[in-house]
Amino acid sequence: MPDLSDLRDLKTFPTFEAYPHENDLASDYYYLEDSWMKPKHRWCLLAEIFEASFSLRLRLQVRDSSGLGLPITFHLDNDDSYDYTKFHKGPAVAILLPHQHNFMGLTVGIHQQD
């Protein structure tokens, strides 16, 4: 049976403030191999959804494990074929290998793409 991760392990489940920025692939998270930046390990955002909205794209307001509120926007290739009603206040969302993103309006959050 494989080892299970401790959900309080800050290396695997760091708070948002510790994520690398999408324009700065930090050496704590990545290494260079054959001209490609590869992750040194896997990390994941686990966050509680406290607001979900959809105009042109799905936008979630979430809280990470430290209680910090942040936005997540989704830019998916097949936006029109996805059931966004699954996202609502209360459940958690998990995003593998998230990066900080600067939105217009000086907000920092996560921009999730396919």
PDB file of N, CA and C in Angstrom:
ATOM      1  N   MET A   1       0.850  -1.183   0.000  1.00  0.00           N
ATOM      2  CA  MET A   1       0.000   0.000   0.000  1.00  0.00           C
ATOM      3  C   MET A   1       0.894   1.244   0.000  1.00  0.00           C
ATOM      4  N   PRO A   2       0.617   2.230  -0.861  1.00  0.00           N
ATOM      5  CA  PRO A   2       1.470   3.428  -0.910  1.00  0.00           C
ATOM      6  C   PRO A   2       1.319   4.269   0.345  1.00  0.00           C
ATOM      7  N   ASP A   3       2.375   5.038   0.640  1.00  0.00           N
ATOM      8  CA  ASP A   3       2.317   5.973   1.766  1.00  0.00           C
ATOM      9  C   ASP A   3       1.339   7.086   1.441  1.00  0.00           C
ATOM     10  N   LEU A   4       0.540   7.473   2.432  1.00  0.00           N
ATOM     11  CA  LEU A   4      -0.390   8.576   2.257  1.00  0.00           C
ATOM     12  C   LEU A   4       0.241   9.847   2.782  1.00  0.00           C
ATOM     13  N   SER A   5      -0.052  10.959   2.156  1.00  0.00           N
ATOM     14  CA  SER A   5       0.506  12.240   2.581  1.00  0.00           C
ATOM     15  C   SER A   5      -0.264  12.802   3.760  1.00  0.00           C
ATOM     16  N   ASP A   6       0.444  13.463   4.636  1.00  0.00           N
ATOM     17  CA  ASP A   6      -0.166  14.171   5.758  1.00  0.00           C
ATOM     18  C   ASP A   6      -0.706  15.493   5.223  1.00  0.00           C
ATOM     19  N   LEU A   7      -1.992  15.748   5.390  1.00  0.00           N
ATOM     20  CA  LEU A   7      -2.595  16.971   4.864  1.00  0.00           C
ATOM     21  C   LEU A   7      -2.054  18.232   5.532  1.00  0.00           C
ATOM     22  N   ARG A   8      -1.317  18.071   6.623  1.00  0.00           N
ATOM     23  CA  ARG A   8      -0.693  19.222   7.295  1.00  0.00           C
ATOM     24  C   ARG A   8       0.761  19.406   6.885  1.00  0.00           C
ATOM     25  N   ASP A   9       1.239  18.572   5.960  1.00  0.00           N
ATOM     26  CA  ASP A   9       2.612  18.664   5.480  1.00  0.00           C
ATOM     27  C   ASP A   9       2.748  19.888   4.582  1.00  0.00           C
ATOM     28  N   LEU A  10       3.494  20.893   5.035  1.00  0.00           N
ATOM     29  CA  LEU A  10       3.608  22.153   4.291  1.00  0.00           C
ATOM     30  C   LEU A  10       4.466  22.043   3.027  1.00  0.00           C
ATOM     31  N   LYS A  11       5.212  20.965   2.877  1.00  0.00           N
ATOM     32  CA  LYS A  11       5.955  20.775   1.626  1.00  0.00           C
ATOM     33  C   LYS A  11       4.990  20.320   0.524  1.00  0.00           C
ATOM     34  N   THR A  12       4.085  19.424   0.842  1.00  0.00           N
ATOM     35  CA  THR A  12       3.125  18.921  -0.134  1.00  0.00           C
ATOM     36  C   THR A  12       1.918  19.834  -0.278  1.00  0.00           C
ATOM     37  N   PHE A  13       1.485  20.418   0.848  1.00  0.00           N
ATOM     38  CA  PHE A  13       0.312  21.290   0.861  1.00  0.00           C
ATOM     39  C   PHE A  13       0.675  22.658   1.449  1.00  0.00           C
ATOM     40  N   PRO A  14       1.541  23.409   0.762  1.00  0.00           N
ATOM     41  CA  PRO A  14       1.952  24.711   1.300  1.00  0.00           C
ATOM     42  C   PRO A  14       0.800  25.721   1.260  1.00  0.00           C
ATOM     43  N   THR A  15       0.933  26.777   2.039  1.00  0.00           N
ATOM     44  CA  THR A  15      -0.037  27.863   1.956  1.00  0.00           C
ATOM     45  C   THR A  15       0.255  28.672   0.692  1.00  0.00           C
ATOM     46  N   PHE A  16      -0.714  29.445   0.258  1.00  0.00           N
ATOM     47  CA  PHE A  16      -0.611  30.204  -0.985  1.00  0.00           C
ATOM     48  C   PHE A  16       0.641  31.083  -1.027  1.00  0.00           C
ATOM     49  N   GLU A  17       0.978  31.700   0.080  1.00  0.00           N
ATOM     50  CA  GLU A  17       2.130  32.620   0.123  1.00  0.00           C
ATOM     51  C   GLU A  17       3.438  31.934  -0.277  1.00  0.00           C
ATOM     52  N   ALA A  18       3.513  30.613  -0.132  1.00  0.00           N
ATOM     53  CA  ALA A  18       4.750  29.887  -0.435  1.00  0.00           C
ATOM     54  C   ALA A  18       4.851  29.433  -1.888  1.00  0.00           C
ATOM     55  N   TYR A  19       3.773  29.532  -2.669  1.00  0.00           N
ATOM     56  CA  TYR A  19       3.804  29.061  -4.055  1.00  0.00           C
ATOM     57  C   TYR A  19       4.735  29.915  -4.896  1.00  0.00           C
ATOM     58  N   PRO A  20       5.379  29.306  -5.874  1.00  0.00           N
ATOM     59  CA  PRO A  20       6.184  30.115  -6.790  1.00  0.00           C
ATOM     60  C   PRO A  20       5.268  30.954  -7.681  1.00  0.00           C
ATOM     61  N   HIS A  21       5.786  32.067  -8.145  1.00  0.00           N
ATOM     62  CA  HIS A  21       5.050  32.905  -9.094  1.00  0.00           C
ATOM     63  C   HIS A  21       5.222  32.306 -10.480  1.00  0.00           C
ATOM     64  N   GLU A  22       4.204  32.442 -11.318  1.00  0.00           N
ATOM     65  CA  GLU A  22       4.274  31.856 -12.665  1.00  0.00           C
ATOM     66  C   GLU A  22       5.414  32.404 -13.513  1.00  0.00           C
ATOM     67  N   ASN A  23       5.915  33.596 -13.192  1.00  0.00           N
ATOM     68  CA  ASN A  23       7.022  34.192 -13.941  1.00  0.00           C
ATOM     69  C   ASN A  23       8.374  34.014 -13.257  1.00  0.00           C
ATOM     70  N   ASP A  24       8.407  33.256 -12.175  1.00  0.00           N
ATOM     71  CA  ASP A  24       9.652  33.066 -11.426  1.00  0.00           C
ATOM     72  C   ASP A  24       9.695  31.625 -10.937  1.00  0.00           C
ATOM     73  N   LEU A  25      10.251  30.754 -11.744  1.00  0.00           N
ATOM     74  CA  LEU A  25      10.297  29.338 -11.381  1.00  0.00           C
ATOM     75  C   LEU A  25      11.424  29.107 -10.381  1.00  0.00           C
ATOM     76  N   ALA A  26      11.081  29.231  -9.119  1.00  0.00           N
ATOM     77  CA  ALA A  26      12.039  29.209  -8.021  1.00  0.00           C
ATOM     78  C   ALA A  26      12.761  27.867  -7.925  1.00  0.00           C
ATOM     79  N   SER A  27      14.036  27.934  -7.545  1.00  0.00           N
ATOM     80  CA  SER A  27      14.843  26.720  -7.427  1.00  0.00           C
ATOM     81  C   SER A  27      14.382  25.825  -6.279  1.00  0.00           C
ATOM     82  N   ASP A  28      13.579  26.351  -5.354  1.00  0.00           N
ATOM     83  CA  ASP A  28      13.023  25.504  -4.299  1.00  0.00           C
ATOM     84  C   ASP A  28      12.009  24.521  -4.877  1.00  0.00           C
ATOM     85  N   TYR A  29      11.436  24.857  -6.013  1.00  0.00           N
ATOM     86  CA  TYR A  29      10.370  24.057  -6.601  1.00  0.00           C
ATOM     87  C   TYR A  29      10.761  23.362  -7.911  1.00  0.00           C
ATOM     88  N   TYR A  30      11.751  23.914  -8.637  1.00  0.00           N
ATOM     89  CA  TYR A  30      12.080  23.389  -9.962  1.00  0.00           C
ATOM     90  C   TYR A  30      13.570  23.131 -10.119  1.00  0.00           C
ATOM     91  N   TYR A  31      13.895  22.236 -11.059  1.00  0.00           N
ATOM     92  CA  TYR A  31      15.274  22.025 -11.476  1.00  0.00           C
ATOM     93  C   TYR A  31      15.308  21.947 -13.000  1.00  0.00           C
ATOM     94  N   LEU A  32      16.464  22.183 -13.564  1.00  0.00           N
ATOM     95  CA  LEU A  32      16.634  22.189 -15.015  1.00  0.00           C
ATOM     96  C   LEU A  32      17.150  20.828 -15.471  1.00  0.00           C
ATOM     97  N   GLU A  33      16.450  20.253 -16.455  1.00  0.00           N
ATOM     98  CA  GLU A  33      16.884  18.975 -17.028  1.00  0.00           C
ATOM     99  C   GLU A  33      16.618  18.994 -18.521  1.00  0.00           C
ATOM    100  N   ASP A  34      17.669  18.811 -19.298  1.00  0.00           N
ATOM    101  CA  ASP A  34      17.547  18.791 -20.760  1.00  0.00           C
ATOM    102  C   ASP A  34      16.807  20.019 -21.290  1.00  0.00           C
ATOM    103  N   SER A  35      17.153  21.191 -20.786  1.00  0.00           N
ATOM    104  CA  SER A  35      16.569  22.474 -21.188  1.00  0.00           C
ATOM    105  C   SER A  35      15.110  22.642 -20.779  1.00  0.00           C
ATOM    106  N   TRP A  36      14.612  21.808 -19.885  1.00  0.00           N
ATOM    107  CA  TRP A  36      13.235  21.909 -19.373  1.00  0.00           C
ATOM    108  C   TRP A  36      13.256  22.098 -17.871  1.00  0.00           C
ATOM    109  N   MET A  37      12.388  22.989 -17.388  1.00  0.00           N
ATOM    110  CA  MET A  37      12.222  23.150 -15.948  1.00  0.00           C
ATOM    111  C   MET A  37      11.236  22.087 -15.472  1.00  0.00           C
ATOM    112  N   LYS A  38      11.660  21.289 -14.510  1.00  0.00           N
ATOM    113  CA  LYS A  38      10.818  20.214 -13.991  1.00  0.00           C
ATOM    114  C   LYS A  38      10.629  20.391 -12.494  1.00  0.00           C
ATOM    115  N   PRO A  39       9.445  20.032 -11.980  1.00  0.00           N
ATOM    116  CA  PRO A  39       9.214  20.172 -10.540  1.00  0.00           C
ATOM    117  C   PRO A  39      10.087  19.200  -9.746  1.00  0.00           C
ATOM    118  N   LYS A  40      10.630  19.700  -8.628  1.00  0.00           N
ATOM    119  CA  LYS A  40      11.418  18.850  -7.740  1.00  0.00           C
ATOM    120  C   LYS A  40      10.529  17.882  -6.973  1.00  0.00           C
ATOM    121  N   HIS A  41       9.326  18.317  -6.678  1.00  0.00           N
ATOM    122  CA  HIS A  41       8.344  17.499  -5.966  1.00  0.00           C
ATOM    123  C   HIS A  41       6.954  18.012  -6.342  1.00  0.00           C
ATOM    124  N   ARG A  42       5.949  17.319  -5.935  1.00  0.00           N
ATOM    125  CA  ARG A  42       4.573  17.749  -6.207  1.00  0.00           C
ATOM    126  C   ARG A  42       4.045  18.544  -5.022  1.00  0.00           C
ATOM    127  N   TRP A  43       3.274  19.597  -5.316  1.00  0.00           N
ATOM    128  CA  TRP A  43       2.591  20.346  -4.267  1.00  0.00           C
ATOM    129  C   TRP A  43       1.165  20.605  -4.738  1.00  0.00           C
ATOM    130  N   CYS A  44       0.296  20.863  -3.788  1.00  0.00           N
ATOM    131  CA  CYS A  44      -1.120  20.943  -4.111  1.00  0.00           C
ATOM    132  C   CYS A  44      -1.804  21.994  -3.242  1.00  0.00           C
ATOM    133  N   LEU A  45      -2.678  22.761  -3.856  1.00  0.00           N
ATOM    134  CA  LEU A  45      -3.542  23.684  -3.116  1.00  0.00           C
ATOM    135  C   LEU A  45      -4.798  22.927  -2.713  1.00  0.00           C
ATOM    136  N   LEU A  46      -5.110  22.918  -1.436  1.00  0.00           N
ATOM    137  CA  LEU A  46      -6.396  22.456  -0.933  1.00  0.00           C
ATOM    138  C   LEU A  46      -7.054  23.677  -0.332  1.00  0.00           C
ATOM    139  N   ALA A  47      -8.223  24.040  -0.832  1.00  0.00           N
ATOM    140  CA  ALA A  47      -8.854  25.271  -0.367  1.00  0.00           C
ATOM    141  C   ALA A  47     -10.368  25.097  -0.314  1.00  0.00           C
ATOM    142  N   GLU A  48     -10.973  25.805   0.627  1.00  0.00           N
ATOM    143  CA  GLU A  48     -12.424  25.804   0.785  1.00  0.00           C
ATOM    144  C   GLU A  48     -13.024  26.885  -0.106  1.00  0.00           C
ATOM    145  N   ILE A  49     -14.066  26.543  -0.845  1.00  0.00           N
ATOM    146  CA  ILE A  49     -14.752  27.507  -1.697  1.00  0.00           C
ATOM    147  C   ILE A  49     -15.737  28.299  -0.843  1.00  0.00           C
ATOM    148  N   PHE A  50     -15.613  29.640  -0.862  1.00  0.00           N
ATOM    149  CA  PHE A  50     -16.617  30.444  -0.160  1.00  0.00           C
ATOM    150  C   PHE A  50     -17.442  31.300  -1.108  1.00  0.00           C
ATOM    151  N   GLU A  51     -17.096  31.283  -2.394  1.00  0.00           N
ATOM    152  CA  GLU A  51     -17.918  31.970  -3.391  1.00  0.00           C
ATOM    153  C   GLU A  51     -17.558  31.426  -4.770  1.00  0.00           C
ATOM    154  N   ALA A  52     -18.570  31.223  -5.598  1.00  0.00           N
ATOM    155  CA  ALA A  52     -18.351  30.782  -6.972  1.00  0.00           C
ATOM    156  C   ALA A  52     -19.208  31.641  -7.890  1.00  0.00           C
ATOM    157  N   SER A  53     -18.613  32.098  -8.997  1.00  0.00           N
ATOM    158  CA  SER A  53     -19.369  32.900  -9.956  1.00  0.00           C
ATOM    159  C   SER A  53     -18.905  32.543 -11.364  1.00  0.00           C
ATOM    160  N   PHE A  54     -19.754  32.853 -12.322  1.00  0.00           N
ATOM    161  CA  PHE A  54     -19.417  32.588 -13.710  1.00  0.00           C
ATOM    162  C   PHE A  54     -19.972  33.711 -14.566  1.00  0.00           C
ATOM    163  N   SER A  55     -19.081  34.391 -15.290  1.00  0.00           N
ATOM    164  CA  SER A  55     -19.534  35.336 -16.305  1.00  0.00           C
ATOM    165  C   SER A  55     -18.986  34.801 -17.627  1.00  0.00           C
ATOM    166  N   LEU A  56     -17.791  35.174 -17.988  1.00  0.00           N
ATOM    167  CA  LEU A  56     -17.152  34.557 -19.155  1.00  0.00           C
ATOM    168  C   LEU A  56     -16.379  33.309 -18.767  1.00  0.00           C
ATOM    169  N   ARG A  57     -15.896  33.284 -17.528  1.00  0.00           N
ATOM    170  CA  ARG A  57     -15.103  32.172 -17.017  1.00  0.00           C
ATOM    171  C   ARG A  57     -15.506  31.901 -15.565  1.00  0.00           C
ATOM    172  N   LEU A  58     -15.232  30.685 -15.135  1.00  0.00           N
ATOM    173  CA  LEU A  58     -15.476  30.333 -13.742  1.00  0.00           C
ATOM    174  C   LEU A  58     -14.474  31.063 -12.859  1.00  0.00           C
ATOM    175  N   ARG A  59     -14.967  31.660 -11.773  1.00  0.00           N
ATOM    176  CA  ARG A  59     -14.109  32.338 -10.799  1.00  0.00           C
ATOM    177  C   ARG A  59     -14.542  31.876  -9.408  1.00  0.00           C
ATOM    178  N   LEU A  60     -13.581  31.367  -8.655  1.00  0.00           N
ATOM    179  CA  LEU A  60     -13.829  30.936  -7.285  1.00  0.00           C
ATOM    180  C   LEU A  60     -13.106  31.858  -6.329  1.00  0.00           C
ATOM    181  N   GLN A  61     -13.728  32.130  -5.204  1.00  0.00           N
ATOM    182  CA  GLN A  61     -13.055  32.767  -4.080  1.00  0.00           C
ATOM    183  C   GLN A  61     -12.879  31.652  -3.058  1.00  0.00           C
ATOM    184  N   VAL A  62     -11.634  31.428  -2.634  1.00  0.00           N
ATOM    185  CA  VAL A  62     -11.333  30.307  -1.754  1.00  0.00           C
ATOM    186  C   VAL A  62     -10.503  30.765  -0.564  1.00  0.00           C
ATOM    187  N   ARG A  63     -10.404  29.891   0.433  1.00  0.00           N
ATOM    188  CA  ARG A  63      -9.531  30.097   1.594  1.00  0.00           C
ATOM    189  C   ARG A  63      -8.557  28.939   1.668  1.00  0.00           C
ATOM    190  N   ASP A  64      -7.264  29.263   1.777  1.00  0.00           N
ATOM    191  CA  ASP A  64      -6.272  28.194   1.921  1.00  0.00           C
ATOM    192  C   ASP A  64      -6.203  27.752   3.385  1.00  0.00           C
ATOM    193  N   SER A  65      -5.278  26.860   3.705  1.00  0.00           N
ATOM    194  CA  SER A  65      -5.192  26.299   5.057  1.00  0.00           C
ATOM    195  C   SER A  65      -4.812  27.327   6.118  1.00  0.00           C
ATOM    196  N   SER A  66      -4.235  28.457   5.702  1.00  0.00           N
ATOM    197  CA  SER A  66      -3.890  29.513   6.662  1.00  0.00           C
ATOM    198  C   SER A  66      -5.053  30.482   6.877  1.00  0.00           C
ATOM    199  N   GLY A  67      -6.131  30.319   6.093  1.00  0.00           N
ATOM    200  CA  GLY A  67      -7.276  31.221   6.180  1.00  0.00           C
ATOM    201  C   GLY A  67      -7.225  32.365   5.192  1.00  0.00           C
ATOM    202  N   LEU A  68      -6.171  32.434   4.387  1.00  0.00           N
ATOM    203  CA  LEU A  68      -6.026  33.512   3.400  1.00  0.00           C
ATOM    204  C   LEU A  68      -7.038  33.336   2.280  1.00  0.00           C
ATOM    205  N   GLY A  69      -7.770  34.390   1.958  1.00  0.00           N
ATOM    206  CA  GLY A  69      -8.701  34.363   0.840  1.00  0.00           C
ATOM    207  C   GLY A  69      -7.997  34.743  -0.448  1.00  0.00           C
ATOM    208  N   LEU A  70      -8.309  34.042  -1.537  1.00  0.00           N
ATOM    209  CA  LEU A  70      -7.695  34.335  -2.820  1.00  0.00           C
ATOM    210  C   LEU A  70      -8.623  33.896  -3.949  1.00  0.00           C
ATOM    211  N   PRO A  71      -8.484  34.518  -5.124  1.00  0.00           N
ATOM    212  CA  PRO A  71      -9.296  34.109  -6.267  1.00  0.00           C
ATOM    213  C   PRO A  71      -8.601  33.027  -7.094  1.00  0.00           C
ATOM    214  N   ILE A  72      -9.424  32.187  -7.698  1.00  0.00           N
ATOM    215  CA  ILE A  72      -8.958  31.232  -8.702  1.00  0.00           C
ATOM    216  C   ILE A  72      -9.839  31.437  -9.925  1.00  0.00           C
ATOM    217  N   THR A  73      -9.222  31.704 -11.066  1.00  0.00           N
ATOM    218  CA  THR A  73      -9.980  31.778 -12.315  1.00  0.00           C
ATOM    219  C   THR A  73      -9.580  30.600 -13.195  1.00  0.00           C
ATOM    220  N   PHE A  74     -10.524  30.130 -13.984  1.00  0.00           N
ATOM    221  CA  PHE A  74     -10.296  28.974 -14.844  1.00  0.00           C
ATOM    222  C   PHE A  74     -10.404  29.408 -16.303  1.00  0.00           C
ATOM    223  N   HIS A  75      -9.393  29.067 -17.084  1.00  0.00           N
ATOM    224  CA  HIS A  75      -9.376  29.321 -18.520  1.00  0.00           C
ATOM    225  C   HIS A  75      -9.165  27.964 -19.174  1.00  0.00           C
ATOM    226  N   LEU A  76     -10.273  27.321 -19.508  1.00  0.00           N
ATOM    227  CA  LEU A  76     -10.215  25.973 -20.041  1.00  0.00           C
ATOM    228  C   LEU A  76     -10.532  25.982 -21.527  1.00  0.00           C
ATOM    229  N   ASP A  77      -9.885  25.100 -22.283  1.00  0.00           N
ATOM    230  CA  ASP A  77     -10.090  25.048 -23.731  1.00  0.00           C
ATOM    231  C   ASP A  77     -11.535  24.759 -24.105  1.00  0.00           C
ATOM    232  N   ASN A  78     -12.202  23.947 -23.317  1.00  0.00           N
ATOM    233  CA  ASN A  78     -13.585  23.576 -23.610  1.00  0.00           C
ATOM    234  C   ASN A  78     -14.515  24.122 -22.539  1.00  0.00           C
ATOM    235  N   ASP A  79     -14.452  25.432 -22.294  1.00  0.00           N
ATOM    236  CA  ASP A  79     -15.268  26.065 -21.255  1.00  0.00           C
ATOM    237  C   ASP A  79     -16.754  25.746 -21.414  1.00  0.00           C
ATOM    238  N   ASP A  80     -17.235  25.692 -22.645  1.00  0.00           N
ATOM    239  CA  ASP A  80     -18.670  25.513 -22.880  1.00  0.00           C
ATOM    240  C   ASP A  80     -19.162  24.091 -22.618  1.00  0.00           C
ATOM    241  N   SER A  81     -18.256  23.129 -22.501  1.00  0.00           N
ATOM    242  CA  SER A  81     -18.682  21.744 -22.311  1.00  0.00           C
ATOM    243  C   SER A  81     -18.567  21.281 -20.860  1.00  0.00           C
ATOM    244  N   TYR A  82     -18.198  22.176 -19.949  1.00  0.00           N
ATOM    245  CA  TYR A  82     -17.991  21.783 -18.555  1.00  0.00           C
ATOM    246  C   TYR A  82     -19.175  22.187 -17.688  1.00  0.00           C
ATOM    247  N   ASP A  83     -19.539  21.351 -16.737  1.00  0.00           N
ATOM    248  CA  ASP A  83     -20.656  21.620 -15.832  1.00  0.00           C
ATOM    249  C   ASP A  83     -20.162  22.414 -14.621  1.00  0.00           C
ATOM    250  N   TYR A  84     -20.312  23.730 -14.682  1.00  0.00           N
ATOM    251  CA  TYR A  84     -19.825  24.597 -13.608  1.00  0.00           C
ATOM    252  C   TYR A  84     -20.730  24.606 -12.386  1.00  0.00           C
ATOM    253  N   THR A  85     -21.888  23.993 -12.460  1.00  0.00           N
ATOM    254  CA  THR A  85     -22.781  23.951 -11.295  1.00  0.00           C
ATOM    255  C   THR A  85     -22.195  23.091 -10.178  1.00  0.00           C
ATOM    256  N   LYS A  86     -21.178  22.312 -10.478  1.00  0.00           N
ATOM    257  CA  LYS A  86     -20.520  21.496  -9.451  1.00  0.00           C
ATOM    258  C   LYS A  86     -19.740  22.358  -8.458  1.00  0.00           C
ATOM    259  N   PHE A  87     -19.436  23.589  -8.840  1.00  0.00           N
ATOM    260  CA  PHE A  87     -18.679  24.492  -7.978  1.00  0.00           C
ATOM    261  C   PHE A  87     -19.635  25.413  -7.248  1.00  0.00           C
ATOM    262  N   HIS A  88     -19.637  25.339  -5.930  1.00  0.00           N
ATOM    263  CA  HIS A  88     -20.492  26.195  -5.108  1.00  0.00           C
ATOM    264  C   HIS A  88     -19.882  26.310  -3.726  1.00  0.00           C
ATOM    265  N   LYS A  89     -20.430  27.188  -2.925  1.00  0.00           N
ATOM    266  CA  LYS A  89     -19.910  27.437  -1.584  1.00  0.00           C
ATOM    267  C   LYS A  89     -19.905  26.155  -0.766  1.00  0.00           C
ATOM    268  N   GLY A  90     -18.810  25.922  -0.067  1.00  0.00           N
ATOM    269  CA  GLY A  90     -18.740  24.806   0.857  1.00  0.00           C
ATOM    270  C   GLY A  90     -17.698  23.759   0.532  1.00  0.00           C
ATOM    271  N   PRO A  91     -17.742  23.131  -0.663  1.00  0.00           N
ATOM    272  CA  PRO A  91     -16.775  22.075  -0.942  1.00  0.00           C
ATOM    273  C   PRO A  91     -15.353  22.613  -1.060  1.00  0.00           C
ATOM    274  N   ALA A  92     -14.431  21.706  -1.155  1.00  0.00           N
ATOM    275  CA  ALA A  92     -13.025  22.066  -1.324  1.00  0.00           C
ATOM    276  C   ALA A  92     -12.640  21.895  -2.792  1.00  0.00           C
ATOM    277  N   VAL A  93     -11.580  22.567  -3.158  1.00  0.00           N
ATOM    278  CA  VAL A  93     -11.005  22.429  -4.489  1.00  0.00           C
ATOM    279  C   VAL A  93      -9.531  22.064  -4.295  1.00  0.00           C
ATOM    280  N   ALA A  94      -9.013  21.219  -5.176  1.00  0.00           N
ATOM    281  CA  ALA A  94      -7.604  20.824  -5.146  1.00  0.00           C
ATOM    282  C   ALA A  94      -6.990  21.155  -6.505  1.00  0.00           C
ATOM    283  N   ILE A  95      -5.848  21.825  -6.485  1.00  0.00           N
ATOM    284  CA  ILE A  95      -5.144  22.172  -7.723  1.00  0.00           C
ATOM    285  C   ILE A  95      -3.701  21.729  -7.571  1.00  0.00           C
ATOM    286  N   LEU A  96      -3.267  20.878  -8.475  1.00  0.00           N
ATOM    287  CA  LEU A  96      -1.903  20.357  -8.454  1.00  0.00           C
ATOM    288  C   LEU A  96      -0.954  21.360  -9.106  1.00  0.00           C
ATOM    289  N   LEU A  97       0.176  21.604  -8.475  1.00  0.00           N
ATOM    290  CA  LEU A  97       1.232  22.505  -8.952  1.00  0.00           C
ATOM    291  C   LEU A  97       0.744  23.920  -9.228  1.00  0.00           C
ATOM    292  N   PRO A  98       0.045  24.551  -8.290  1.00  0.00           N
ATOM    293  CA  PRO A  98      -0.427  25.923  -8.525  1.00  0.00           C
ATOM    294  C   PRO A  98       0.711  26.938  -8.480  1.00  0.00           C
ATOM    295  N   HIS A  99       0.486  28.059  -9.148  1.00  0.00           N
ATOM    296  CA  HIS A  99       1.437  29.180  -9.161  1.00  0.00           C
ATOM    297  C   HIS A  99       0.686  30.469  -8.878  1.00  0.00           C
ATOM    298  N   GLN A 100       1.362  31.411  -8.260  1.00  0.00           N
ATOM    299  CA  GLN A 100       0.765  32.730  -8.054  1.00  0.00           C
ATOM    300  C   GLN A 100       0.665  33.450  -9.391  1.00  0.00           C
ATOM    301  N   HIS A 101      -0.408  34.225  -9.543  1.00  0.00           N
ATOM    302  CA  HIS A 101      -0.648  34.973 -10.777  1.00  0.00           C
ATOM    303  C   HIS A 101      -1.120  36.377 -10.400  1.00  0.00           C
ATOM    304  N   ASN A 102      -0.578  37.399 -11.058  1.00  0.00           N
ATOM    305  CA  ASN A 102      -1.023  38.777 -10.846  1.00  0.00           C
ATOM    306  C   ASN A 102      -2.150  39.089 -11.812  1.00  0.00           C
ATOM    307  N   PHE A 103      -3.334  39.375 -11.261  1.00  0.00           N
ATOM    308  CA  PHE A 103      -4.472  39.765 -12.074  1.00  0.00           C
ATOM    309  C   PHE A 103      -4.481  41.276 -12.239  1.00  0.00           C
ATOM    310  N   MET A 104      -5.226  41.748 -13.229  1.00  0.00           N
ATOM    311  CA  MET A 104      -5.424  43.187 -13.362  1.00  0.00           C
ATOM    312  C   MET A 104      -6.151  43.658 -12.112  1.00  0.00           C
ATOM    313  N   GLY A 105      -5.859  44.837 -11.658  1.00  0.00           N
ATOM    314  CA  GLY A 105      -6.471  45.334 -10.433  1.00  0.00           C
ATOM    315  C   GLY A 105      -5.647  45.009  -9.203  1.00  0.00           C
ATOM    316  N   LEU A 106      -4.414  44.531  -9.422  1.00  0.00           N
ATOM    317  CA  LEU A 106      -3.452  44.266  -8.357  1.00  0.00           C
ATOM    318  C   LEU A 106      -3.851  43.123  -7.434  1.00  0.00           C
ATOM    319  N   THR A 107      -4.725  42.239  -7.869  1.00  0.00           N
ATOM    320  CA  THR A 107      -5.084  41.070  -7.086  1.00  0.00           C
ATOM    321  C   THR A 107      -4.136  39.923  -7.449  1.00  0.00           C
ATOM    322  N   VAL A 108      -3.738  39.140  -6.454  1.00  0.00           N
ATOM    323  CA  VAL A 108      -2.900  37.982  -6.690  1.00  0.00           C
ATOM    324  C   VAL A 108      -3.707  36.741  -6.353  1.00  0.00           C
ATOM    325  N   GLY A 109      -3.669  35.760  -7.239  1.00  0.00           N
ATOM    326  CA  GLY A 109      -4.397  34.524  -7.026  1.00  0.00           C
ATOM    327  C   GLY A 109      -3.847  33.452  -7.928  1.00  0.00           C
ATOM    328  N   ILE A 110      -4.730  32.570  -8.399  1.00  0.00           N
ATOM    329  CA  ILE A 110      -4.331  31.466  -9.266  1.00  0.00           C
ATOM    330  C   ILE A 110      -5.143  31.536 -10.551  1.00  0.00           C
ATOM    331  N   HIS A 111      -4.451  31.442 -11.684  1.00  0.00           N
ATOM    332  CA  HIS A 111      -5.095  31.394 -13.003  1.00  0.00           C
ATOM    333  C   HIS A 111      -4.881  29.974 -13.508  1.00  0.00           C
ATOM    334  N   GLN A 112      -5.906  29.160 -13.461  1.00  0.00           N
ATOM    335  CA  GLN A 112      -5.791  27.748 -13.835  1.00  0.00           C
ATOM    336  C   GLN A 112      -6.137  27.568 -15.300  1.00  0.00           C
ATOM    337  N   GLN A 113      -5.226  26.936 -16.038  1.00  0.00           N
ATOM    338  CA  GLN A 113      -5.423  26.697 -17.477  1.00  0.00           C
ATOM    339  C   GLN A 113      -5.330  25.219 -17.751  1.00  0.00           C
ATOM    340  N   ASP A 114      -5.866  24.807 -18.945  1.00  0.00           N
ATOM    341  CA  ASP A 114      -5.738  23.404 -19.379  1.00  0.00           C
ATOM    342  C   ASP A 114      -4.279  23.051 -19.517  1.00  0.00           C
TER     343      ASP A 114
END
